């Protein structure tokens, strides 16, 4: 079903359209992952040219880890994979909306979404509990 839902551009189209992306001075572009069927915003991460190319061509979301300075294939250690359904480039070319089918949780804290805190009258308020512990996710 995922293959039928997803839109895979041809490799020559990917190479051509990567030129339209306004990567920042560090070679990165902001990626916003959103659950394709519910509209739930799951997370924000960074993609470099290689990560975006891999994501578009394979359909499995790949980011660039600024801390590790390497590609980060979502779910490679946790099993919480993101399958790309559709990718959209914003009007300025400096942000990518990734409509995904998220397996399990998206947040490293074990929550479905990284946006589990809201600004409230007394400060930040947690509005979502973990579904799974980070230890169970990552085995440590």
Protein backbone atom coordinates (compact mmCIF):
# COMPACT_ATOMS: atom_id res chain seq x y z
CA UNK A 1 0.00 0.00 0.00
CA UNK A 2 2.81 2.46 0.81
CA UNK A 3 4.33 2.12 -2.66
CA UNK A 4 0.94 2.88 -4.25
CA UNK A 5 0.42 5.94 -2.02
CA UNK A 6 3.86 7.44 -2.41
CA UNK A 7 5.08 9.63 -5.23
CA UNK A 8 8.60 8.73 -6.38
CA UNK A 9 10.27 11.18 -8.75
CA UNK A 10 12.67 9.88 -11.38
CA UNK A 11 16.37 10.21 -10.54
CA UNK A 12 17.02 12.81 -13.28
CA UNK A 13 14.11 14.90 -11.94
CA UNK A 14 15.50 14.67 -8.39
CA UNK A 15 18.91 15.94 -9.52
CA UNK A 16 17.32 18.81 -11.47
CA UNK A 17 14.96 19.83 -8.67
CA UNK A 18 17.61 19.67 -5.93
CA UNK A 19 18.93 22.86 -7.57
CA UNK A 20 15.73 24.64 -6.51
CA UNK A 21 16.32 23.92 -2.82
CA UNK A 22 17.82 26.84 -0.89
CA UNK A 23 20.25 24.95 1.34
CA UNK A 24 21.69 27.25 4.04
CA UNK A 25 25.35 28.16 4.52
CA UNK A 26 25.95 24.80 6.19
CA UNK A 27 24.35 22.95 3.27
CA UNK A 28 21.16 22.14 5.19
CA UNK A 29 17.43 22.65 4.74
CA UNK A 30 14.74 22.34 7.41
CA UNK A 31 12.49 19.31 7.14
CA UNK A 32 9.10 19.13 8.83
CA UNK A 33 7.68 15.61 9.20
CA UNK A 34 3.89 15.40 9.25
CA UNK A 35 1.76 12.27 9.46
CA UNK A 36 0.16 12.07 6.01
CA UNK A 37 -3.33 10.96 7.04
CA UNK A 38 -3.91 12.78 10.34
CA UNK A 39 -1.97 16.01 9.75
CA UNK A 40 -0.14 15.55 13.07
CA UNK A 41 3.20 17.40 13.07
CA UNK A 42 5.74 14.85 14.28
CA UNK A 43 9.16 16.45 14.25
CA UNK A 44 11.60 18.88 12.66
CA UNK A 45 15.06 17.88 11.51
CA UNK A 46 17.69 18.86 8.96
CA UNK A 47 18.48 17.42 5.55
CA UNK A 48 21.55 17.98 3.42
CA UNK A 49 21.53 17.36 -0.34
CA UNK A 50 22.49 13.69 0.07
CA UNK A 51 19.79 13.04 2.69
CA UNK A 52 17.10 14.70 0.58
CA UNK A 53 18.21 12.80 -2.53
CA UNK A 54 18.11 9.48 -0.65
CA UNK A 55 14.70 10.29 0.86
CA UNK A 56 13.17 11.14 -2.51
CA UNK A 57 14.66 8.16 -4.33
CA UNK A 58 14.13 5.44 -1.72
CA UNK A 59 10.98 6.57 0.06
CA UNK A 60 12.55 6.05 3.47
CA UNK A 61 13.18 9.33 5.27
CA UNK A 62 16.82 10.17 5.86
CA UNK A 63 18.04 13.24 7.75
CA UNK A 64 21.41 14.80 8.45
CA UNK A 65 22.52 14.64 12.08
CA UNK A 66 24.31 17.86 12.98
CA UNK A 67 25.67 16.34 16.20
CA UNK A 68 27.06 13.21 14.51
CA UNK A 69 27.85 15.01 11.26
CA UNK A 70 26.46 12.11 9.24
CA UNK A 71 23.32 10.81 7.60
CA UNK A 72 20.64 9.60 9.97
CA UNK A 73 18.12 7.18 8.56
CA UNK A 74 15.06 7.62 10.76
CA UNK A 75 14.51 4.42 12.71
CA UNK A 76 17.90 2.82 12.06
CA UNK A 77 18.44 2.24 15.79
CA UNK A 78 14.89 2.51 17.17
CA UNK A 79 12.89 0.81 14.43
CA UNK A 80 10.57 3.83 14.35
CA UNK A 81 10.81 4.36 10.58
CA UNK A 82 9.29 7.13 8.49
CA UNK A 83 8.10 6.14 5.00
CA UNK A 84 7.76 9.07 2.62
CA UNK A 85 4.36 9.55 1.04
CA UNK A 86 5.03 12.97 -0.49
CA UNK A 87 7.59 15.77 -0.22
CA UNK A 88 6.75 19.43 -0.76
CA UNK A 89 9.08 22.41 -1.16
CA UNK A 90 7.91 25.74 0.28
CA UNK A 91 7.68 28.96 -1.75
CA UNK A 92 11.16 30.19 -0.74
CA UNK A 93 12.76 26.80 -1.26
CA UNK A 94 14.15 26.79 2.28
CA UNK A 95 11.88 24.24 3.96
CA UNK A 96 10.67 20.77 3.04
CA UNK A 97 7.35 19.33 4.23
CA UNK A 98 7.65 15.56 4.46
CA UNK A 99 4.28 13.81 4.49
CA UNK A 100 5.15 10.49 6.08
CA UNK A 101 3.72 7.26 7.37
CA UNK A 102 5.34 7.04 10.81
CA UNK A 103 5.93 3.62 12.35
CA UNK A 104 5.55 3.98 16.13
CA UNK A 105 6.82 7.13 17.79
CA UNK A 106 8.74 9.98 16.16
CA UNK A 107 10.37 11.52 19.24
CA UNK A 108 13.51 10.19 20.91
CA UNK A 109 11.71 10.72 24.25
CA UNK A 110 9.27 7.93 23.32
CA UNK A 111 6.40 10.26 22.44
CA UNK A 112 4.46 10.17 19.17
CA UNK A 113 5.43 13.78 18.40
CA UNK A 114 8.36 15.96 19.41
CA UNK A 115 5.86 18.75 20.07
CA UNK A 116 4.68 17.49 23.46
CA UNK A 117 5.07 20.73 25.43
CA UNK A 118 3.06 23.92 25.17
CA UNK A 119 3.63 27.37 26.52
CA UNK A 120 1.13 27.92 29.31
CA UNK A 121 0.48 30.63 31.90
CA UNK A 122 2.98 29.17 34.40
CA UNK A 123 5.52 28.06 31.77
CA UNK A 124 5.98 24.94 29.68
CA UNK A 125 3.37 22.27 30.23
CA UNK A 126 3.70 18.65 29.12
CA UNK A 127 0.64 17.63 27.10
CA UNK A 128 1.69 14.14 26.00
CA UNK A 129 3.21 11.22 27.88
CA UNK A 130 5.75 8.78 26.43
CA UNK A 131 4.30 5.75 24.65
CA UNK A 132 7.55 3.84 25.14
CA UNK A 133 10.66 4.51 27.24
CA UNK A 134 13.81 5.71 25.49
CA UNK A 135 15.61 2.70 27.01
CA UNK A 136 13.17 0.34 25.29
CA UNK A 137 13.54 2.27 22.03
CA UNK A 138 17.32 2.30 21.93
CA UNK A 139 18.24 -0.65 24.10
CA UNK A 140 20.23 1.22 26.75
